[in-house]
């Protein structure tokens, strides 16, 4: 007997369908494992294996679109280098004949641009929903993968930044340990060798830059950050 996992309602860009329902309801069944085409025998998991509960629990986590980031990208995205200009035409696209390196460069650029547009389109579409779900399953090695494409937490920095948990947790000012974890994470995302410094130095960097964190729209920190979009999310929530 092959057990199945539940897929929850989410927009599917490939078939162009969208459900208005935002409740956690099973709409489709999918075998847990992604089959390996050249294996003589499929990978099997015993029914009592706890991995079924793991995958279903992961699939039951709700998300929503980070509308603050979406709005910020619309206003400052090009100025701060957060996104590719959708109107930009790569110089190589008008060149009649490309060598191997040029072809690879143009293909990479167009792929990144198309991926960005797909992510932003889905974010706009789902920005009116208070909750949606991202289904997952496993490959034959036991690795967990998101089934839905583009807007998921295994995708690009843009996609990760545009996702929030639909049911968040409060962080209290009295919880110094959790606050320091958040500070260290923000410093890690900022990069510029900060992620190689001690825990204490990373927390101190946040304290020393509170003015620019509070006034994050001036772009002083975002422009210099290695992970600009994630750093924006950090600055927005900590300011």
C-alpha atoms as a PDB file:
ATOM      1  CA  UNK A   1       0.000   0.000   0.000  1.00  0.00           C
ATOM      2  CA  UNK A   2       1.308   3.455  -0.949  1.00  0.00           C
ATOM      3  CA  UNK A   3       0.319   6.246   1.417  1.00  0.00           C
ATOM      4  CA  UNK A   4      -0.432   9.690   0.105  1.00  0.00           C
ATOM      5  CA  UNK A   5       0.196  13.243   1.254  1.00  0.00           C
ATOM      6  CA  UNK A   6      -2.209  16.128   1.074  1.00  0.00           C
ATOM      7  CA  UNK A   7      -1.746  19.126  -1.180  1.00  0.00           C
ATOM      8  CA  UNK A   8      -3.397  22.339  -0.048  1.00  0.00           C
ATOM      9  CA  UNK A   9      -4.978  25.085  -2.103  1.00  0.00           C
ATOM     10  CA  UNK A  10      -2.411  27.302  -3.782  1.00  0.00           C
ATOM     11  CA  UNK A  11      -2.184  29.111  -7.079  1.00  0.00           C
ATOM     12  CA  UNK A  12      -0.666  26.977  -9.845  1.00  0.00           C
ATOM     13  CA  UNK A  13       1.035  29.194 -12.427  1.00  0.00           C
ATOM     14  CA  UNK A  14       1.457  26.330 -14.876  1.00  0.00           C
ATOM     15  CA  UNK A  15      -2.265  25.676 -15.338  1.00  0.00           C
ATOM     16  CA  UNK A  16      -3.487  29.200 -14.587  1.00  0.00           C
ATOM     17  CA  UNK A  17      -6.048  28.235 -11.958  1.00  0.00           C
ATOM     18  CA  UNK A  18      -6.709  30.028  -8.713  1.00  0.00           C
ATOM     19  CA  UNK A  19      -9.018  29.038  -5.897  1.00  0.00           C
ATOM     20  CA  UNK A  20     -10.904  31.659  -3.912  1.00  0.00           C
ATOM     21  CA  UNK A  21     -10.970  29.388  -0.870  1.00  0.00           C
ATOM     22  CA  UNK A  22      -8.278  30.116   1.686  1.00  0.00           C
ATOM     23  CA  UNK A  23      -9.135  27.392   4.188  1.00  0.00           C
ATOM     24  CA  UNK A  24      -6.939  24.397   4.789  1.00  0.00           C
ATOM     25  CA  UNK A  25      -8.691  21.783   2.662  1.00  0.00           C
ATOM     26  CA  UNK A  26      -7.238  18.832   0.775  1.00  0.00           C
ATOM     27  CA  UNK A  27      -7.933  19.184  -2.952  1.00  0.00           C
ATOM     28  CA  UNK A  28      -5.562  16.647  -4.406  1.00  0.00           C
ATOM     29  CA  UNK A  29      -3.599  13.581  -3.409  1.00  0.00           C
ATOM     30  CA  UNK A  30       0.032  13.028  -4.336  1.00  0.00           C
ATOM     31  CA  UNK A  31       2.362  10.155  -3.594  1.00  0.00           C
ATOM     32  CA  UNK A  32       4.953  11.155  -1.051  1.00  0.00           C
ATOM     33  CA  UNK A  33       8.012  10.374  -3.161  1.00  0.00           C
ATOM     34  CA  UNK A  34       9.005  11.902  -6.480  1.00  0.00           C
ATOM     35  CA  UNK A  35       9.770   8.830  -8.647  1.00  0.00           C
ATOM     36  CA  UNK A  36      13.228   8.322 -10.146  1.00  0.00           C
ATOM     37  CA  UNK A  37      12.717   7.437 -13.812  1.00  0.00           C
ATOM     38  CA  UNK A  38      15.786   5.200 -14.223  1.00  0.00           C
ATOM     39  CA  UNK A  39      15.301   3.140 -11.036  1.00  0.00           C
ATOM     40  CA  UNK A  40      14.226  -0.440 -11.642  1.00  0.00           C
ATOM     41  CA  UNK A  41      12.236  -0.467  -8.410  1.00  0.00           C
ATOM     42  CA  UNK A  42      10.610   2.560  -6.767  1.00  0.00           C
ATOM     43  CA  UNK A  43      11.743   3.761  -3.335  1.00  0.00           C
ATOM     44  CA  UNK A  44       9.329   2.531  -0.683  1.00  0.00           C
ATOM     45  CA  UNK A  45       8.517   3.921   2.746  1.00  0.00           C
ATOM     46  CA  UNK A  46       6.756   1.888   5.393  1.00  0.00           C
ATOM     47  CA  UNK A  47       3.316   3.116   6.392  1.00  0.00           C
ATOM     48  CA  UNK A  48       4.381   3.672   9.998  1.00  0.00           C
ATOM     49  CA  UNK A  49       7.278   5.941   9.007  1.00  0.00           C
ATOM     50  CA  UNK A  50       7.017   9.321  10.761  1.00  0.00           C
ATOM     51  CA  UNK A  51       8.058  11.152   7.581  1.00  0.00           C
ATOM     52  CA  UNK A  52       4.383  11.233   6.521  1.00  0.00           C
ATOM     53  CA  UNK A  53       3.493  13.304   9.566  1.00  0.00           C
ATOM     54  CA  UNK A  54       6.526  15.516   8.989  1.00  0.00           C
ATOM     55  CA  UNK A  55       5.549  16.344   5.404  1.00  0.00           C
ATOM     56  CA  UNK A  56       1.893  16.911   6.251  1.00  0.00           C
ATOM     57  CA  UNK A  57       2.845  19.195   9.151  1.00  0.00           C
ATOM     58  CA  UNK A  58       5.122  21.220   6.871  1.00  0.00           C
ATOM     59  CA  UNK A  59       2.304  21.452   4.320  1.00  0.00           C
ATOM     60  CA  UNK A  60      -0.128  22.716   6.959  1.00  0.00           C
ATOM     61  CA  UNK A  61       1.947  25.852   7.718  1.00  0.00           C
ATOM     62  CA  UNK A  62       0.155  28.947   6.427  1.00  0.00           C
ATOM     63  CA  UNK A  63       1.797  31.879   4.640  1.00  0.00           C
ATOM     64  CA  UNK A  64       0.826  35.324   3.417  1.00  0.00           C
ATOM     65  CA  UNK A  65       2.452  37.875   1.121  1.00  0.00           C
ATOM     66  CA  UNK A  66       4.739  40.518   2.613  1.00  0.00           C
ATOM     67  CA  UNK A  67       2.761  43.488   1.286  1.00  0.00           C
ATOM     68  CA  UNK A  68       5.140  46.010   2.865  1.00  0.00           C
ATOM     69  CA  UNK A  69       8.036  44.626   0.824  1.00  0.00           C
ATOM     70  CA  UNK A  70       5.882  44.475  -2.296  1.00  0.00           C
ATOM     71  CA  UNK A  71       5.035  48.153  -1.898  1.00  0.00           C
ATOM     72  CA  UNK A  72       8.660  49.059  -1.121  1.00  0.00           C
ATOM     73  CA  UNK A  73       9.842  47.289  -4.288  1.00  0.00           C
ATOM     74  CA  UNK A  74       7.303  49.238  -6.325  1.00  0.00           C
ATOM     75  CA  UNK A  75       8.675  52.520  -4.945  1.00  0.00           C
ATOM     76  CA  UNK A  76      12.393  51.903  -4.368  1.00  0.00           C
ATOM     77  CA  UNK A  77      13.120  48.611  -6.140  1.00  0.00           C
ATOM     78  CA  UNK A  78      15.093  50.051  -9.048  1.00  0.00           C
ATOM     79  CA  UNK A  79      16.750  52.836  -7.057  1.00  0.00           C
ATOM     80  CA  UNK A  80      18.181  50.422  -4.492  1.00  0.00           C
ATOM     81  CA  UNK A  81      18.908  47.607  -6.931  1.00  0.00           C
ATOM     82  CA  UNK A  82      16.374  45.193  -5.450  1.00  0.00           C
ATOM     83  CA  UNK A  83      14.980  44.054  -8.801  1.00  0.00           C
ATOM     84  CA  UNK A  84      15.810  43.997 -12.499  1.00  0.00           C
ATOM     85  CA  UNK A  85      14.160  46.749 -14.541  1.00  0.00           C
ATOM     86  CA  UNK A  86      11.437  44.961 -16.515  1.00  0.00           C
ATOM     87  CA  UNK A  87      11.925  47.462 -19.366  1.00  0.00           C
ATOM     88  CA  UNK A  88      15.696  46.883 -19.550  1.00  0.00           C
ATOM     89  CA  UNK A  89      16.904  45.352 -22.823  1.00  0.00           C
ATOM     90  CA  UNK A  90      20.195  43.499 -22.488  1.00  0.00           C
ATOM     91  CA  UNK A  91      22.776  44.751 -25.055  1.00  0.00           C
ATOM     92  CA  UNK A  92      23.487  41.185 -26.178  1.00  0.00           C
ATOM     93  CA  UNK A  93      19.854  40.665 -27.182  1.00  0.00           C
ATOM     94  CA  UNK A  94      20.372  42.889 -30.232  1.00  0.00           C
ATOM     95  CA  UNK A  95      23.656  41.324 -31.277  1.00  0.00           C
ATOM     96  CA  UNK A  96      23.161  39.183 -34.404  1.00  0.00           C
ATOM     97  CA  UNK A  97      25.640  36.452 -33.473  1.00  0.00           C
ATOM     98  CA  UNK A  98      26.724  35.396 -30.003  1.00  0.00           C
ATOM     99  CA  UNK A  99      29.683  33.360 -28.893  1.00  0.00           C
ATOM    100  CA  UNK A 100      29.295  30.675 -26.227  1.00  0.00           C
ATOM    101  CA  UNK A 101      30.051  32.973 -23.288  1.00  0.00           C
ATOM    102  CA  UNK A 102      27.734  35.717 -24.564  1.00  0.00           C
ATOM    103  CA  UNK A 103      24.914  33.241 -25.151  1.00  0.00           C
ATOM    104  CA  UNK A 104      25.285  31.915 -21.590  1.00  0.00           C
ATOM    105  CA  UNK A 105      25.268  35.472 -20.173  1.00  0.00           C
ATOM    106  CA  UNK A 106      22.130  36.475 -22.085  1.00  0.00           C
ATOM    107  CA  UNK A 107      20.318  33.235 -21.268  1.00  0.00           C
ATOM    108  CA  UNK A 108      21.114  33.653 -17.570  1.00  0.00           C
ATOM    109  CA  UNK A 109      19.860  37.258 -17.568  1.00  0.00           C
ATOM    110  CA  UNK A 110      16.603  36.406 -19.342  1.00  0.00           C
ATOM    111  CA  UNK A 111      16.036  33.463 -17.006  1.00  0.00           C
ATOM    112  CA  UNK A 112      16.514  35.669 -13.918  1.00  0.00           C
ATOM    113  CA  UNK A 113      14.216  38.317 -15.375  1.00  0.00           C
ATOM    114  CA  UNK A 114      11.460  35.806 -16.182  1.00  0.00           C
ATOM    115  CA  UNK A 115      11.746  34.243 -12.727  1.00  0.00           C
ATOM    116  CA  UNK A 116      11.496  37.660 -11.086  1.00  0.00           C
ATOM    117  CA  UNK A 117       8.388  38.569 -13.084  1.00  0.00           C
ATOM    118  CA  UNK A 118       6.723  35.256 -12.219  1.00  0.00           C
ATOM    119  CA  UNK A 119       7.425  35.738  -8.494  1.00  0.00           C
ATOM    120  CA  UNK A 120       6.133  39.319  -8.489  1.00  0.00           C
ATOM    121  CA  UNK A 121       3.042  38.324 -10.457  1.00  0.00           C
ATOM    122  CA  UNK A 122       2.174  35.592  -7.953  1.00  0.00           C
ATOM    123  CA  UNK A 123       2.863  37.920  -5.024  1.00  0.00           C
ATOM    124  CA  UNK A 124       0.491  40.522  -6.469  1.00  0.00           C
ATOM    125  CA  UNK A 125      -2.132  37.865  -7.073  1.00  0.00           C
ATOM    126  CA  UNK A 126      -1.945  36.495  -3.549  1.00  0.00           C
ATOM    127  CA  UNK A 127      -1.479  39.788  -1.731  1.00  0.00           C
ATOM    128  CA  UNK A 128      -5.237  39.930  -1.078  1.00  0.00           C
ATOM    129  CA  UNK A 129      -5.292  36.511   0.651  1.00  0.00           C
ATOM    130  CA  UNK A 130      -4.802  36.341   4.373  1.00  0.00           C
ATOM    131  CA  UNK A 131      -3.463  32.772   4.165  1.00  0.00           C
ATOM    132  CA  UNK A 132      -2.302  30.186   1.641  1.00  0.00           C
ATOM    133  CA  UNK A 133      -0.268  26.987   1.755  1.00  0.00           C
ATOM    134  CA  UNK A 134       2.850  25.677   0.020  1.00  0.00           C
ATOM    135  CA  UNK A 135       2.766  21.900  -0.625  1.00  0.00           C
ATOM    136  CA  UNK A 136       5.895  19.738  -0.490  1.00  0.00           C
ATOM    137  CA  UNK A 137       6.998  16.196  -1.178  1.00  0.00           C
ATOM    138  CA  UNK A 138      10.218  14.166  -1.081  1.00  0.00           C
ATOM    139  CA  UNK A 139      12.657  12.967  -3.703  1.00  0.00           C
ATOM    140  CA  UNK A 140      14.034   9.410  -3.637  1.00  0.00           C
ATOM    141  CA  UNK A 141      16.855  10.506  -1.290  1.00  0.00           C
ATOM    142  CA  UNK A 142      14.435  11.925   1.272  1.00  0.00           C
ATOM    143  CA  UNK A 143      15.017  15.591   0.440  1.00  0.00           C
ATOM    144  CA  UNK A 144      12.040  17.900   0.900  1.00  0.00           C
ATOM    145  CA  UNK A 145      11.003  20.053  -2.084  1.00  0.00           C
ATOM    146  CA  UNK A 146       8.239  22.596  -2.645  1.00  0.00           C
ATOM    147  CA  UNK A 147       5.780  21.441  -5.301  1.00  0.00           C
ATOM    148  CA  UNK A 148       4.603  24.930  -6.275  1.00  0.00           C
ATOM    149  CA  UNK A 149       7.071  26.923  -8.335  1.00  0.00           C
ATOM    150  CA  UNK A 150       8.452  30.471  -8.083  1.00  0.00           C
ATOM    151  CA  UNK A 151       6.884  31.852  -4.885  1.00  0.00           C
ATOM    152  CA  UNK A 152       8.191  29.462  -2.239  1.00  0.00           C
ATOM    153  CA  UNK A 153      10.760  29.453   0.571  1.00  0.00           C
ATOM    154  CA  UNK A 154      13.270  27.405  -1.452  1.00  0.00           C
ATOM    155  CA  UNK A 155      13.276  29.914  -4.292  1.00  0.00           C
ATOM    156  CA  UNK A 156      15.235  33.156  -4.698  1.00  0.00           C
ATOM    157  CA  UNK A 157      15.893  35.868  -2.130  1.00  0.00           C
ATOM    158  CA  UNK A 158      13.000  37.842  -3.634  1.00  0.00           C
ATOM    159  CA  UNK A 159      10.557  34.967  -3.111  1.00  0.00           C
ATOM    160  CA  UNK A 160      11.754  34.343   0.463  1.00  0.00           C
ATOM    161  CA  UNK A 161      11.410  38.021   1.329  1.00  0.00           C
ATOM    162  CA  UNK A 162       7.870  38.144  -0.045  1.00  0.00           C
ATOM    163  CA  UNK A 163       6.667  35.358   2.243  1.00  0.00           C
ATOM    164  CA  UNK A 164       5.509  35.776   5.828  1.00  0.00           C
ATOM    165  CA  UNK A 165       3.976  33.246   8.200  1.00  0.00           C
ATOM    166  CA  UNK A 166       0.248  33.895   8.304  1.00  0.00           C
ATOM    167  CA  UNK A 167       0.298  33.293  12.059  1.00  0.00           C
ATOM    168  CA  UNK A 168       3.326  35.014  13.536  1.00  0.00           C
ATOM    169  CA  UNK A 169       4.806  35.029  17.024  1.00  0.00           C
ATOM    170  CA  UNK A 170       5.380  38.006  19.301  1.00  0.00           C
ATOM    171  CA  UNK A 171       8.905  39.023  20.261  1.00  0.00           C
ATOM    172  CA  UNK A 172       8.986  40.745  23.636  1.00  0.00           C
ATOM    173  CA  UNK A 173      11.490  43.434  24.569  1.00  0.00           C
ATOM    174  CA  UNK A 174      12.266  41.551  27.750  1.00  0.00           C
ATOM    175  CA  UNK A 175      13.429  38.524  25.741  1.00  0.00           C
ATOM    176  CA  UNK A 176      17.029  39.657  25.248  1.00  0.00           C
ATOM    177  CA  UNK A 177      18.226  36.293  23.949  1.00  0.00           C
ATOM    178  CA  UNK A 178      15.708  36.201  21.086  1.00  0.00           C
ATOM    179  CA  UNK A 179      16.388  39.855  20.255  1.00  0.00           C
ATOM    180  CA  UNK A 180      20.126  39.143  20.033  1.00  0.00           C
ATOM    181  CA  UNK A 181      19.435  36.174  17.736  1.00  0.00           C
ATOM    182  CA  UNK A 182      17.492  38.542  15.484  1.00  0.00           C
ATOM    183  CA  UNK A 183      20.291  41.119  15.552  1.00  0.00           C
ATOM    184  CA  UNK A 184      22.908  38.519  14.664  1.00  0.00           C
ATOM    185  CA  UNK A 185      20.754  37.226  11.811  1.00  0.00           C
ATOM    186  CA  UNK A 186      20.353  40.738  10.394  1.00  0.00           C
ATOM    187  CA  UNK A 187      24.120  41.270  10.555  1.00  0.00           C
ATOM    188  CA  UNK A 188      24.692  37.929   8.789  1.00  0.00           C
ATOM    189  CA  UNK A 189      22.381  38.961   5.936  1.00  0.00           C
ATOM    190  CA  UNK A 190      24.064  42.349   5.649  1.00  0.00           C
ATOM    191  CA  UNK A 191      27.339  40.544   4.971  1.00  0.00           C
ATOM    192  CA  UNK A 192      30.405  42.627   4.179  1.00  0.00           C
ATOM    193  CA  UNK A 193      32.398  40.318   6.513  1.00  0.00           C
ATOM    194  CA  UNK A 194      30.024  41.002   9.412  1.00  0.00           C
ATOM    195  CA  UNK A 195      28.921  37.364   9.262  1.00  0.00           C
ATOM    196  CA  UNK A 196      32.516  36.361  10.097  1.00  0.00           C
ATOM    197  CA  UNK A 197      32.629  38.475  13.238  1.00  0.00           C
ATOM    198  CA  UNK A 198      31.817  37.412  16.772  1.00  0.00           C
ATOM    199  CA  UNK A 199      28.265  37.211  18.082  1.00  0.00           C
ATOM    200  CA  UNK A 200      28.927  40.231  20.299  1.00  0.00           C
ATOM    201  CA  UNK A 201      30.288  42.341  17.413  1.00  0.00           C
ATOM    202  CA  UNK A 202      27.301  41.539  15.220  1.00  0.00           C
ATOM    203  CA  UNK A 203      24.841  42.598  17.919  1.00  0.00           C
ATOM    204  CA  UNK A 204      26.859  45.754  18.561  1.00  0.00           C
ATOM    205  CA  UNK A 205      26.779  46.602  14.840  1.00  0.00           C
ATOM    206  CA  UNK A 206      22.979  46.692  14.984  1.00  0.00           C
ATOM    207  CA  UNK A 207      23.029  48.940  18.051  1.00  0.00           C
ATOM    208  CA  UNK A 208      25.541  51.293  16.406  1.00  0.00           C
ATOM    209  CA  UNK A 209      23.395  51.624  13.274  1.00  0.00           C
ATOM    210  CA  UNK A 210      20.041  52.263  14.916  1.00  0.00           C
ATOM    211  CA  UNK A 211      19.653  55.665  13.193  1.00  0.00           C
ATOM    212  CA  UNK A 212      19.933  54.100   9.738  1.00  0.00           C
ATOM    213  CA  UNK A 213      17.725  51.197  10.822  1.00  0.00           C
ATOM    214  CA  UNK A 214      14.980  53.551  12.024  1.00  0.00           C
ATOM    215  CA  UNK A 215      15.352  55.610   8.814  1.00  0.00           C
ATOM    216  CA  UNK A 216      15.884  52.562   6.586  1.00  0.00           C
ATOM    217  CA  UNK A 217      14.217  54.205   3.588  1.00  0.00           C
ATOM    218  CA  UNK A 218      17.315  56.385   3.171  1.00  0.00           C
ATOM    219  CA  UNK A 219      18.912  53.285   1.639  1.00  0.00           C
ATOM    220  CA  UNK A 220      22.240  53.631   3.446  1.00  0.00           C
ATOM    221  CA  UNK A 221      22.224  50.046   4.698  1.00  0.00           C
ATOM    222  CA  UNK A 222      20.166  48.458   1.932  1.00  0.00           C
ATOM    223  CA  UNK A 223      22.444  49.665  -0.872  1.00  0.00           C
ATOM    224  CA  UNK A 224      25.527  48.197   0.820  1.00  0.00           C
ATOM    225  CA  UNK A 225      23.946  44.919   1.933  1.00  0.00           C
ATOM    226  CA  UNK A 226      24.839  41.638   0.252  1.00  0.00           C
ATOM    227  CA  UNK A 227      21.275  40.323   0.656  1.00  0.00           C
ATOM    228  CA  UNK A 228      19.359  43.524   0.041  1.00  0.00           C
ATOM    229  CA  UNK A 229      15.813  42.181   0.169  1.00  0.00           C
ATOM    230  CA  UNK A 230      16.278  40.094   3.302  1.00  0.00           C
ATOM    231  CA  UNK A 231      18.061  43.011   4.963  1.00  0.00           C
ATOM    232  CA  UNK A 232      15.086  45.250   4.107  1.00  0.00           C
ATOM    233  CA  UNK A 233      12.793  42.756   5.853  1.00  0.00           C
ATOM    234  CA  UNK A 234      15.074  42.791   8.886  1.00  0.00           C
ATOM    235  CA  UNK A 235      15.253  46.596   8.957  1.00  0.00           C
ATOM    236  CA  UNK A 236      11.495  46.986   8.524  1.00  0.00           C
ATOM    237  CA  UNK A 237      10.567  44.673  11.376  1.00  0.00           C
ATOM    238  CA  UNK A 238      13.237  45.859  13.810  1.00  0.00           C
ATOM    239  CA  UNK A 239      12.832  49.613  13.208  1.00  0.00           C
END
